[in-house]
């Protein structure tokens, strides 16, 4: 059976970056930490680190062990605190992924407040518009906007529903006249969220159900803020969620068109790897997300 102390010392080296820093964190000497990791390598018959005089880097086996063991050790520590009745305040490093625009506008500021609420929590935030699997990347949780994932192996907590509309600048509407039918989208310039101009379509909910509307797009981009800027400057129609275009609609820089149609509602979700006992940090994050976002009119 693996020695838990050796595993914890190994995790400390990975997270601290070297043996000396891990020793300071653990209250051990560098030699003691190195000896402990060597014992673990002997037990497993693998090399966990590539060591040089200047750096310590995980081997492929070491990376696999780290991704597996950090969840297991966190669960053991959480269970120990629960059994002992220890302080349940979350502590440690929270690694989280989020969409780029929503992350910049909302998740970043929210996590600042989360850290203020829990001073022993450190945060590593990764912003990316592509879905990142926490099981494959070692993230503790991912914030995602979309539909629930089937058979993903992840626990998902829907936080709120998000709407989206088709909009344009008042100047654009005056130039092109009233925009009232889906057929007009084939002739009027549209700004398309995506990375391919071939055969662009908008999926919209309308009076007769969901439709796929063919659009004329001279410009596409996989970033909502960039499309918002183009729409405000009068370059085309845009279909975006309200967390991006809401302020522009409220200020009058954009106005809704095709008011009988809207983007399908999407869920803001928190996803994380399954565990019989979610860590205090994940539990606190779920509660915080609900308190922060669940009642907002997105």
C-alpha atoms as a PDB file:
ATOM      1  CA  UNK A   1       0.000   0.000   0.000  1.00  0.00           C
ATOM      2  CA  UNK A   2       1.226   3.517  -0.756  1.00  0.00           C
ATOM      3  CA  UNK A   3       2.481   5.583   2.165  1.00  0.00           C
ATOM      4  CA  UNK A   4       0.216   8.607   2.645  1.00  0.00           C
ATOM      5  CA  UNK A   5       3.064  10.748   4.015  1.00  0.00           C
ATOM      6  CA  UNK A   6       5.126  10.022   0.896  1.00  0.00           C
ATOM      7  CA  UNK A   7       2.134  10.965  -1.279  1.00  0.00           C
ATOM      8  CA  UNK A   8       1.595  14.238   0.607  1.00  0.00           C
ATOM      9  CA  UNK A   9       5.288  15.095   0.347  1.00  0.00           C
ATOM     10  CA  UNK A  10       5.179  14.366  -3.391  1.00  0.00           C
ATOM     11  CA  UNK A  11       2.154  16.646  -3.837  1.00  0.00           C
ATOM     12  CA  UNK A  12       3.918  19.378  -1.875  1.00  0.00           C
ATOM     13  CA  UNK A  13       6.942  19.227  -4.210  1.00  0.00           C
ATOM     14  CA  UNK A  14       4.685  19.526  -7.272  1.00  0.00           C
ATOM     15  CA  UNK A  15       2.778  22.484  -5.852  1.00  0.00           C
ATOM     16  CA  UNK A  16       5.800  24.267  -4.361  1.00  0.00           C
ATOM     17  CA  UNK A  17       7.974  23.757  -7.442  1.00  0.00           C
ATOM     18  CA  UNK A  18      11.022  22.223  -5.771  1.00  0.00           C
ATOM     19  CA  UNK A  19      12.152  20.128  -2.824  1.00  0.00           C
ATOM     20  CA  UNK A  20      13.458  22.994  -0.712  1.00  0.00           C
ATOM     21  CA  UNK A  21      10.226  25.026  -0.929  1.00  0.00           C
ATOM     22  CA  UNK A  22       8.186  21.899  -0.208  1.00  0.00           C
ATOM     23  CA  UNK A  23      10.344  21.225   2.848  1.00  0.00           C
ATOM     24  CA  UNK A  24       9.719  24.730   4.187  1.00  0.00           C
ATOM     25  CA  UNK A  25       5.989  24.248   3.689  1.00  0.00           C
ATOM     26  CA  UNK A  26       6.033  20.862   5.424  1.00  0.00           C
ATOM     27  CA  UNK A  27       8.486  21.741   8.172  1.00  0.00           C
ATOM     28  CA  UNK A  28      10.993  19.198   6.821  1.00  0.00           C
ATOM     29  CA  UNK A  29      14.473  19.425   5.420  1.00  0.00           C
ATOM     30  CA  UNK A  30      15.100  19.235   1.681  1.00  0.00           C
ATOM     31  CA  UNK A  31      16.861  15.905   2.222  1.00  0.00           C
ATOM     32  CA  UNK A  32      13.882  14.463   4.109  1.00  0.00           C
ATOM     33  CA  UNK A  33      11.491  15.432   1.309  1.00  0.00           C
ATOM     34  CA  UNK A  34      13.822  14.040  -1.352  1.00  0.00           C
ATOM     35  CA  UNK A  35      14.201  10.775   0.560  1.00  0.00           C
ATOM     36  CA  UNK A  36      10.427  10.481   0.924  1.00  0.00           C
ATOM     37  CA  UNK A  37       9.849  11.004  -2.813  1.00  0.00           C
ATOM     38  CA  UNK A  38      12.604   8.533  -3.665  1.00  0.00           C
ATOM     39  CA  UNK A  39      10.906   5.958  -1.436  1.00  0.00           C
ATOM     40  CA  UNK A  40       7.658   6.537  -3.322  1.00  0.00           C
ATOM     41  CA  UNK A  41       9.451   6.114  -6.655  1.00  0.00           C
ATOM     42  CA  UNK A  42      10.971   2.857  -5.419  1.00  0.00           C
ATOM     43  CA  UNK A  43       7.553   1.631  -4.296  1.00  0.00           C
ATOM     44  CA  UNK A  44       6.024   2.392  -7.699  1.00  0.00           C
ATOM     45  CA  UNK A  45       9.139   1.464  -9.755  1.00  0.00           C
ATOM     46  CA  UNK A  46       8.817   4.698 -11.761  1.00  0.00           C
ATOM     47  CA  UNK A  47      10.576   8.054 -11.947  1.00  0.00           C
ATOM     48  CA  UNK A  48       8.211  10.810 -10.795  1.00  0.00           C
ATOM     49  CA  UNK A  49      10.452  13.815 -11.494  1.00  0.00           C
ATOM     50  CA  UNK A  50      13.101  14.790 -14.004  1.00  0.00           C
ATOM     51  CA  UNK A  51      15.696  16.394 -11.723  1.00  0.00           C
ATOM     52  CA  UNK A  52      18.451  18.799 -12.735  1.00  0.00           C
ATOM     53  CA  UNK A  53      20.602  21.129 -10.661  1.00  0.00           C
ATOM     54  CA  UNK A  54      18.253  24.000 -11.518  1.00  0.00           C
ATOM     55  CA  UNK A  55      14.792  22.511 -11.923  1.00  0.00           C
ATOM     56  CA  UNK A  56      12.407  19.737 -10.951  1.00  0.00           C
ATOM     57  CA  UNK A  57       9.858  18.717 -13.584  1.00  0.00           C
ATOM     58  CA  UNK A  58       7.168  16.064 -13.471  1.00  0.00           C
ATOM     59  CA  UNK A  59       7.608  12.965 -15.578  1.00  0.00           C
ATOM     60  CA  UNK A  60       4.629  11.528 -17.438  1.00  0.00           C
ATOM     61  CA  UNK A  61       4.112   9.041 -14.597  1.00  0.00           C
ATOM     62  CA  UNK A  62       4.469  11.817 -12.036  1.00  0.00           C
ATOM     63  CA  UNK A  63       1.864  13.956 -13.768  1.00  0.00           C
ATOM     64  CA  UNK A  64      -0.583  11.040 -13.856  1.00  0.00           C
ATOM     65  CA  UNK A  65       0.004  10.318 -10.165  1.00  0.00           C
ATOM     66  CA  UNK A  66      -0.459  13.972  -9.236  1.00  0.00           C
ATOM     67  CA  UNK A  67      -3.769  14.347 -11.075  1.00  0.00           C
ATOM     68  CA  UNK A  68      -5.118  11.220  -9.405  1.00  0.00           C
ATOM     69  CA  UNK A  69      -3.739  11.665  -5.915  1.00  0.00           C
ATOM     70  CA  UNK A  70      -4.475  15.327  -5.294  1.00  0.00           C
ATOM     71  CA  UNK A  71      -8.213  14.621  -5.322  1.00  0.00           C
ATOM     72  CA  UNK A  72      -7.812  11.538  -3.163  1.00  0.00           C
ATOM     73  CA  UNK A  73      -5.639  13.317  -0.584  1.00  0.00           C
ATOM     74  CA  UNK A  74      -7.969  16.317  -0.544  1.00  0.00           C
ATOM     75  CA  UNK A  75     -10.874  13.974   0.170  1.00  0.00           C
ATOM     76  CA  UNK A  76      -8.917  12.223   2.938  1.00  0.00           C
ATOM     77  CA  UNK A  77      -8.019  15.550   4.548  1.00  0.00           C
ATOM     78  CA  UNK A  78     -11.588  16.805   4.244  1.00  0.00           C
ATOM     79  CA  UNK A  79     -12.928  13.600   5.783  1.00  0.00           C
ATOM     80  CA  UNK A  80     -10.441  13.905   8.638  1.00  0.00           C
ATOM     81  CA  UNK A  81     -11.513  17.491   9.322  1.00  0.00           C
ATOM     82  CA  UNK A  82     -15.175  16.460   9.178  1.00  0.00           C
ATOM     83  CA  UNK A  83     -14.680  13.552  11.618  1.00  0.00           C
ATOM     84  CA  UNK A  84     -12.616  15.659  14.005  1.00  0.00           C
ATOM     85  CA  UNK A  85     -15.098  18.524  13.809  1.00  0.00           C
ATOM     86  CA  UNK A  86     -12.334  20.820  12.607  1.00  0.00           C
ATOM     87  CA  UNK A  87     -12.927  24.268  11.176  1.00  0.00           C
ATOM     88  CA  UNK A  88     -14.695  23.703   7.819  1.00  0.00           C
ATOM     89  CA  UNK A  89     -13.431  26.969   6.367  1.00  0.00           C
ATOM     90  CA  UNK A  90     -12.061  26.270   2.860  1.00  0.00           C
ATOM     91  CA  UNK A  91      -8.336  26.553   2.347  1.00  0.00           C
ATOM     92  CA  UNK A  92      -5.835  25.709  -0.368  1.00  0.00           C
ATOM     93  CA  UNK A  93      -5.512  26.430  -4.076  1.00  0.00           C
ATOM     94  CA  UNK A  94      -8.628  26.572  -6.257  1.00  0.00           C
ATOM     95  CA  UNK A  95      -7.928  25.933  -9.949  1.00  0.00           C
ATOM     96  CA  UNK A  96     -10.877  27.053 -12.047  1.00  0.00           C
ATOM     97  CA  UNK A  97     -11.643  27.609 -15.736  1.00  0.00           C
ATOM     98  CA  UNK A  98     -14.202  30.012 -17.207  1.00  0.00           C
ATOM     99  CA  UNK A  99     -15.278  31.513 -20.563  1.00  0.00           C
ATOM    100  CA  UNK A 100     -13.204  34.504 -21.650  1.00  0.00           C
ATOM    101  CA  UNK A 101     -15.791  37.308 -21.796  1.00  0.00           C
ATOM    102  CA  UNK A 102     -17.982  36.176 -18.901  1.00  0.00           C
ATOM    103  CA  UNK A 103     -14.834  35.435 -16.946  1.00  0.00           C
ATOM    104  CA  UNK A 104     -13.441  38.938 -17.444  1.00  0.00           C
ATOM    105  CA  UNK A 105     -16.728  40.684 -16.746  1.00  0.00           C
ATOM    106  CA  UNK A 106     -18.096  38.611 -13.887  1.00  0.00           C
ATOM    107  CA  UNK A 107     -16.072  35.615 -12.693  1.00  0.00           C
ATOM    108  CA  UNK A 108     -12.858  37.552 -12.062  1.00  0.00           C
ATOM    109  CA  UNK A 109     -14.526  40.187  -9.844  1.00  0.00           C
ATOM    110  CA  UNK A 110     -16.578  37.467  -8.133  1.00  0.00           C
ATOM    111  CA  UNK A 111     -13.470  35.453  -7.280  1.00  0.00           C
ATOM    112  CA  UNK A 112     -11.851  38.560  -5.796  1.00  0.00           C
ATOM    113  CA  UNK A 113     -14.776  38.712  -3.376  1.00  0.00           C
ATOM    114  CA  UNK A 114     -14.585  34.946  -2.817  1.00  0.00           C
ATOM    115  CA  UNK A 115     -10.943  35.282  -1.759  1.00  0.00           C
ATOM    116  CA  UNK A 116     -11.832  38.175   0.536  1.00  0.00           C
ATOM    117  CA  UNK A 117     -14.468  35.956   2.141  1.00  0.00           C
ATOM    118  CA  UNK A 118     -12.035  33.039   2.501  1.00  0.00           C
ATOM    119  CA  UNK A 119      -8.524  34.400   3.157  1.00  0.00           C
ATOM    120  CA  UNK A 120      -6.890  30.932   3.128  1.00  0.00           C
ATOM    121  CA  UNK A 121      -7.963  30.249  -0.465  1.00  0.00           C
ATOM    122  CA  UNK A 122      -5.636  30.896  -3.414  1.00  0.00           C
ATOM    123  CA  UNK A 123      -7.060  31.006  -6.945  1.00  0.00           C
ATOM    124  CA  UNK A 124      -5.680  30.012 -10.339  1.00  0.00           C
ATOM    125  CA  UNK A 125      -8.153  31.281 -12.978  1.00  0.00           C
ATOM    126  CA  UNK A 126      -7.871  30.176 -16.609  1.00  0.00           C
ATOM    127  CA  UNK A 127     -10.028  32.013 -19.185  1.00  0.00           C
ATOM    128  CA  UNK A 128     -10.758  30.199 -22.426  1.00  0.00           C
ATOM    129  CA  UNK A 129     -13.783  30.097 -24.726  1.00  0.00           C
ATOM    130  CA  UNK A 130     -13.199  26.413 -25.486  1.00  0.00           C
ATOM    131  CA  UNK A 131     -14.590  23.786 -23.133  1.00  0.00           C
ATOM    132  CA  UNK A 132     -11.871  22.486 -20.831  1.00  0.00           C
ATOM    133  CA  UNK A 133     -12.356  19.103 -19.155  1.00  0.00           C
ATOM    134  CA  UNK A 134     -11.298  19.356 -15.492  1.00  0.00           C
ATOM    135  CA  UNK A 135     -10.698  15.592 -15.415  1.00  0.00           C
ATOM    136  CA  UNK A 136      -8.083  15.960 -18.161  1.00  0.00           C
ATOM    137  CA  UNK A 137      -6.498  19.237 -17.113  1.00  0.00           C
ATOM    138  CA  UNK A 138      -6.362  19.056 -13.335  1.00  0.00           C
ATOM    139  CA  UNK A 139      -8.779  21.930 -12.757  1.00  0.00           C
ATOM    140  CA  UNK A 140     -10.923  21.757  -9.640  1.00  0.00           C
ATOM    141  CA  UNK A 141     -13.961  23.217 -11.389  1.00  0.00           C
ATOM    142  CA  UNK A 142     -15.083  24.739 -14.670  1.00  0.00           C
ATOM    143  CA  UNK A 143     -17.702  27.429 -15.261  1.00  0.00           C
ATOM    144  CA  UNK A 144     -19.466  26.838 -18.560  1.00  0.00           C
ATOM    145  CA  UNK A 145     -22.295  28.422 -20.514  1.00  0.00           C
ATOM    146  CA  UNK A 146     -24.288  25.925 -22.561  1.00  0.00           C
ATOM    147  CA  UNK A 147     -26.439  22.841 -22.240  1.00  0.00           C
ATOM    148  CA  UNK A 148     -25.884  20.149 -19.584  1.00  0.00           C
ATOM    149  CA  UNK A 149     -23.283  17.605 -20.652  1.00  0.00           C
ATOM    150  CA  UNK A 150     -24.547  14.041 -20.931  1.00  0.00           C
ATOM    151  CA  UNK A 151     -22.296  11.221 -19.737  1.00  0.00           C
ATOM    152  CA  UNK A 152     -19.402  13.597 -19.095  1.00  0.00           C
ATOM    153  CA  UNK A 153     -18.421  12.042 -15.789  1.00  0.00           C
ATOM    154  CA  UNK A 154     -18.724  15.482 -14.166  1.00  0.00           C
ATOM    155  CA  UNK A 155     -21.050  16.849 -11.523  1.00  0.00           C
ATOM    156  CA  UNK A 156     -22.898  19.908 -12.873  1.00  0.00           C
ATOM    157  CA  UNK A 157     -24.727  22.578 -10.898  1.00  0.00           C
ATOM    158  CA  UNK A 158     -26.941  24.883 -13.019  1.00  0.00           C
ATOM    159  CA  UNK A 159     -26.681  28.398 -11.583  1.00  0.00           C
ATOM    160  CA  UNK A 160     -28.946  30.468 -13.833  1.00  0.00           C
ATOM    161  CA  UNK A 161     -30.521  30.619 -17.289  1.00  0.00           C
ATOM    162  CA  UNK A 162     -29.192  33.092 -19.846  1.00  0.00           C
ATOM    163  CA  UNK A 163     -31.057  34.712 -22.718  1.00  0.00           C
ATOM    164  CA  UNK A 164     -29.746  36.269 -25.902  1.00  0.00           C
ATOM    165  CA  UNK A 165     -31.152  38.538 -28.606  1.00  0.00           C
ATOM    166  CA  UNK A 166     -30.528  39.831 -32.111  1.00  0.00           C
ATOM    167  CA  UNK A 167     -29.531  43.491 -32.026  1.00  0.00           C
ATOM    168  CA  UNK A 168     -28.034  46.315 -34.092  1.00  0.00           C
ATOM    169  CA  UNK A 169     -27.081  49.942 -33.667  1.00  0.00           C
ATOM    170  CA  UNK A 170     -29.799  52.569 -34.305  1.00  0.00           C
ATOM    171  CA  UNK A 171     -27.725  53.937 -37.187  1.00  0.00           C
ATOM    172  CA  UNK A 172     -27.552  50.485 -38.772  1.00  0.00           C
ATOM    173  CA  UNK A 173     -31.328  50.082 -38.497  1.00  0.00           C
ATOM    174  CA  UNK A 174     -31.923  53.512 -40.042  1.00  0.00           C
ATOM    175  CA  UNK A 175     -29.592  52.606 -42.921  1.00  0.00           C
ATOM    176  CA  UNK A 176     -31.175  49.226 -43.674  1.00  0.00           C
ATOM    177  CA  UNK A 177     -34.758  49.912 -42.670  1.00  0.00           C
ATOM    178  CA  UNK A 178     -36.972  47.810 -40.385  1.00  0.00           C
ATOM    179  CA  UNK A 179     -35.591  44.290 -39.826  1.00  0.00           C
ATOM    180  CA  UNK A 180     -38.590  42.059 -39.243  1.00  0.00           C
ATOM    181  CA  UNK A 181     -38.140  38.752 -41.130  1.00  0.00           C
ATOM    182  CA  UNK A 182     -35.570  35.983 -41.083  1.00  0.00           C
ATOM    183  CA  UNK A 183     -35.216  36.181 -44.870  1.00  0.00           C
ATOM    184  CA  UNK A 184     -33.661  39.644 -44.460  1.00  0.00           C
ATOM    185  CA  UNK A 185     -30.722  38.037 -42.632  1.00  0.00           C
ATOM    186  CA  UNK A 186     -29.584  36.569 -45.962  1.00  0.00           C
ATOM    187  CA  UNK A 187     -29.012  40.066 -47.369  1.00  0.00           C
ATOM    188  CA  UNK A 188     -28.115  42.277 -44.394  1.00  0.00           C
ATOM    189  CA  UNK A 189     -24.553  42.136 -42.956  1.00  0.00           C
ATOM    190  CA  UNK A 190     -24.342  40.024 -39.786  1.00  0.00           C
ATOM    191  CA  UNK A 191     -21.514  39.537 -37.322  1.00  0.00           C
ATOM    192  CA  UNK A 192     -21.147  35.818 -36.666  1.00  0.00           C
ATOM    193  CA  UNK A 193     -19.859  34.148 -33.498  1.00  0.00           C
ATOM    194  CA  UNK A 194     -17.613  31.378 -34.759  1.00  0.00           C
ATOM    195  CA  UNK A 195     -14.424  30.689 -36.675  1.00  0.00           C
ATOM    196  CA  UNK A 196     -15.698  29.789 -40.145  1.00  0.00           C
ATOM    197  CA  UNK A 197     -17.548  32.016 -42.629  1.00  0.00           C
ATOM    198  CA  UNK A 198     -18.826  29.076 -44.663  1.00  0.00           C
ATOM    199  CA  UNK A 199     -22.578  28.541 -44.348  1.00  0.00           C
ATOM    200  CA  UNK A 200     -23.134  30.587 -41.156  1.00  0.00           C
ATOM    201  CA  UNK A 201     -26.483  30.167 -39.386  1.00  0.00           C
ATOM    202  CA  UNK A 202     -28.131  31.484 -36.248  1.00  0.00           C
ATOM    203  CA  UNK A 203     -30.216  29.137 -34.130  1.00  0.00           C
ATOM    204  CA  UNK A 204     -33.212  31.102 -32.828  1.00  0.00           C
ATOM    205  CA  UNK A 205     -36.396  30.373 -30.907  1.00  0.00           C
ATOM    206  CA  UNK A 206     -39.445  31.913 -32.559  1.00  0.00           C
ATOM    207  CA  UNK A 207     -43.245  31.804 -32.718  1.00  0.00           C
ATOM    208  CA  UNK A 208     -43.231  28.412 -34.466  1.00  0.00           C
ATOM    209  CA  UNK A 209     -40.374  26.863 -32.503  1.00  0.00           C
ATOM    210  CA  UNK A 210     -36.658  26.670 -33.064  1.00  0.00           C
ATOM    211  CA  UNK A 211     -35.258  27.609 -36.469  1.00  0.00           C
ATOM    212  CA  UNK A 212     -31.862  27.724 -38.133  1.00  0.00           C
ATOM    213  CA  UNK A 213     -31.672  31.021 -39.970  1.00  0.00           C
ATOM    214  CA  UNK A 214     -29.194  31.440 -42.812  1.00  0.00           C
ATOM    215  CA  UNK A 215     -27.286  34.711 -42.441  1.00  0.00           C
ATOM    216  CA  UNK A 216     -25.025  36.867 -44.588  1.00  0.00           C
ATOM    217  CA  UNK A 217     -21.808  37.233 -42.636  1.00  0.00           C
ATOM    218  CA  UNK A 218     -18.832  39.232 -43.832  1.00  0.00           C
ATOM    219  CA  UNK A 219     -17.091  38.867 -40.483  1.00  0.00           C
ATOM    220  CA  UNK A 220     -16.800  36.160 -37.862  1.00  0.00           C
ATOM    221  CA  UNK A 221     -14.984  36.017 -34.554  1.00  0.00           C
ATOM    222  CA  UNK A 222     -14.940  33.664 -31.579  1.00  0.00           C
ATOM    223  CA  UNK A 223     -15.020  36.491 -29.042  1.00  0.00           C
ATOM    224  CA  UNK A 224     -18.284  38.163 -28.042  1.00  0.00           C
ATOM    225  CA  UNK A 225     -16.756  41.467 -26.953  1.00  0.00           C
ATOM    226  CA  UNK A 226     -15.216  41.952 -30.392  1.00  0.00           C
ATOM    227  CA  UNK A 227     -18.563  41.312 -32.071  1.00  0.00           C
ATOM    228  CA  UNK A 228     -20.270  43.693 -29.644  1.00  0.00           C
ATOM    229  CA  UNK A 229     -17.836  46.441 -30.581  1.00  0.00           C
ATOM    230  CA  UNK A 230     -18.501  45.859 -34.283  1.00  0.00           C
ATOM    231  CA  UNK A 231     -22.255  45.997 -33.764  1.00  0.00           C
ATOM    232  CA  UNK A 232     -22.076  49.234 -31.750  1.00  0.00           C
ATOM    233  CA  UNK A 233     -19.979  50.778 -34.521  1.00  0.00           C
ATOM    234  CA  UNK A 234     -22.677  49.862 -37.048  1.00  0.00           C
ATOM    235  CA  UNK A 235     -20.997  47.067 -38.993  1.00  0.00           C
ATOM    236  CA  UNK A 236     -23.797  44.541 -38.725  1.00  0.00           C
ATOM    237  CA  UNK A 237     -26.418  42.643 -36.800  1.00  0.00           C
ATOM    238  CA  UNK A 238     -25.284  40.549 -33.874  1.00  0.00           C
ATOM    239  CA  UNK A 239     -26.818  37.686 -31.877  1.00  0.00           C
ATOM    240  CA  UNK A 240     -25.289  37.540 -28.404  1.00  0.00           C
ATOM    241  CA  UNK A 241     -26.279  36.710 -24.822  1.00  0.00           C
ATOM    242  CA  UNK A 242     -27.495  39.551 -22.655  1.00  0.00           C
ATOM    243  CA  UNK A 243     -24.523  39.428 -20.299  1.00  0.00           C
ATOM    244  CA  UNK A 244     -22.544  40.792 -23.273  1.00  0.00           C
ATOM    245  CA  UNK A 245     -25.055  43.092 -25.013  1.00  0.00           C
ATOM    246  CA  UNK A 246     -27.233  44.002 -22.001  1.00  0.00           C
ATOM    247  CA  UNK A 247     -25.446  47.274 -21.124  1.00  0.00           C
ATOM    248  CA  UNK A 248     -25.465  48.383 -24.784  1.00  0.00           C
ATOM    249  CA  UNK A 249     -29.201  47.676 -25.020  1.00  0.00           C
ATOM    250  CA  UNK A 250     -29.855  49.598 -21.807  1.00  0.00           C
ATOM    251  CA  UNK A 251     -27.802  52.592 -22.944  1.00  0.00           C
ATOM    252  CA  UNK A 252     -29.378  52.698 -26.413  1.00  0.00           C
ATOM    253  CA  UNK A 253     -26.133  51.934 -28.271  1.00  0.00           C
ATOM    254  CA  UNK A 254     -27.919  48.835 -29.561  1.00  0.00           C
ATOM    255  CA  UNK A 255     -31.573  48.024 -30.068  1.00  0.00           C
ATOM    256  CA  UNK A 256     -33.332  44.698 -30.452  1.00  0.00           C
ATOM    257  CA  UNK A 257     -34.504  43.643 -33.902  1.00  0.00           C
ATOM    258  CA  UNK A 258     -36.495  40.550 -34.870  1.00  0.00           C
ATOM    259  CA  UNK A 259     -38.217  40.906 -31.512  1.00  0.00           C
ATOM    260  CA  UNK A 260     -40.267  37.739 -32.044  1.00  0.00           C
ATOM    261  CA  UNK A 261     -37.026  35.738 -31.948  1.00  0.00           C
ATOM    262  CA  UNK A 262     -34.393  35.076 -29.310  1.00  0.00           C
ATOM    263  CA  UNK A 263     -31.401  32.838 -28.838  1.00  0.00           C
ATOM    264  CA  UNK A 264     -32.141  29.544 -27.063  1.00  0.00           C
ATOM    265  CA  UNK A 265     -31.652  29.859 -23.326  1.00  0.00           C
ATOM    266  CA  UNK A 266     -28.365  28.493 -22.039  1.00  0.00           C
ATOM    267  CA  UNK A 267     -27.343  27.511 -18.529  1.00  0.00           C
ATOM    268  CA  UNK A 268     -24.503  28.974 -16.516  1.00  0.00           C
ATOM    269  CA  UNK A 269     -23.109  25.846 -14.870  1.00  0.00           C
ATOM    270  CA  UNK A 270     -20.419  24.915 -12.394  1.00  0.00           C
ATOM    271  CA  UNK A 271     -18.865  21.547 -13.235  1.00  0.00           C
ATOM    272  CA  UNK A 272     -16.392  19.568 -11.156  1.00  0.00           C
ATOM    273  CA  UNK A 273     -15.083  15.995 -10.890  1.00  0.00           C
ATOM    274  CA  UNK A 274     -17.226  13.621  -8.830  1.00  0.00           C
ATOM    275  CA  UNK A 275     -16.390  12.850  -5.214  1.00  0.00           C
ATOM    276  CA  UNK A 276     -18.306  11.235  -2.397  1.00  0.00           C
ATOM    277  CA  UNK A 277     -17.318  14.185  -0.209  1.00  0.00           C
ATOM    278  CA  UNK A 278     -16.889  17.420  -2.226  1.00  0.00           C
ATOM    279  CA  UNK A 279     -14.217  19.568  -0.634  1.00  0.00           C
ATOM    280  CA  UNK A 280     -15.098  22.490   1.603  1.00  0.00           C
ATOM    281  CA  UNK A 281     -13.729  24.754  -1.141  1.00  0.00           C
ATOM    282  CA  UNK A 282     -16.061  23.347  -3.815  1.00  0.00           C
ATOM    283  CA  UNK A 283     -19.031  23.493  -1.451  1.00  0.00           C
ATOM    284  CA  UNK A 284     -18.222  27.112  -0.609  1.00  0.00           C
ATOM    285  CA  UNK A 285     -17.806  27.975  -4.299  1.00  0.00           C
ATOM    286  CA  UNK A 286     -21.200  26.460  -5.178  1.00  0.00           C
ATOM    287  CA  UNK A 287     -22.937  28.435  -2.429  1.00  0.00           C
ATOM    288  CA  UNK A 288     -21.090  31.587  -3.434  1.00  0.00           C
ATOM    289  CA  UNK A 289     -22.035  31.198  -7.116  1.00  0.00           C
ATOM    290  CA  UNK A 290     -25.706  30.789  -6.241  1.00  0.00           C
ATOM    291  CA  UNK A 291     -25.651  33.832  -3.967  1.00  0.00           C
ATOM    292  CA  UNK A 292     -23.785  35.894  -6.535  1.00  0.00           C
ATOM    293  CA  UNK A 293     -25.556  35.020  -9.781  1.00  0.00           C
ATOM    294  CA  UNK A 294     -28.775  33.062  -9.329  1.00  0.00           C
ATOM    295  CA  UNK A 295     -31.080  36.078  -9.013  1.00  0.00           C
ATOM    296  CA  UNK A 296     -29.468  38.277 -11.668  1.00  0.00           C
ATOM    297  CA  UNK A 297     -31.631  39.044 -14.744  1.00  0.00           C
ATOM    298  CA  UNK A 298     -29.309  37.659 -17.398  1.00  0.00           C
END
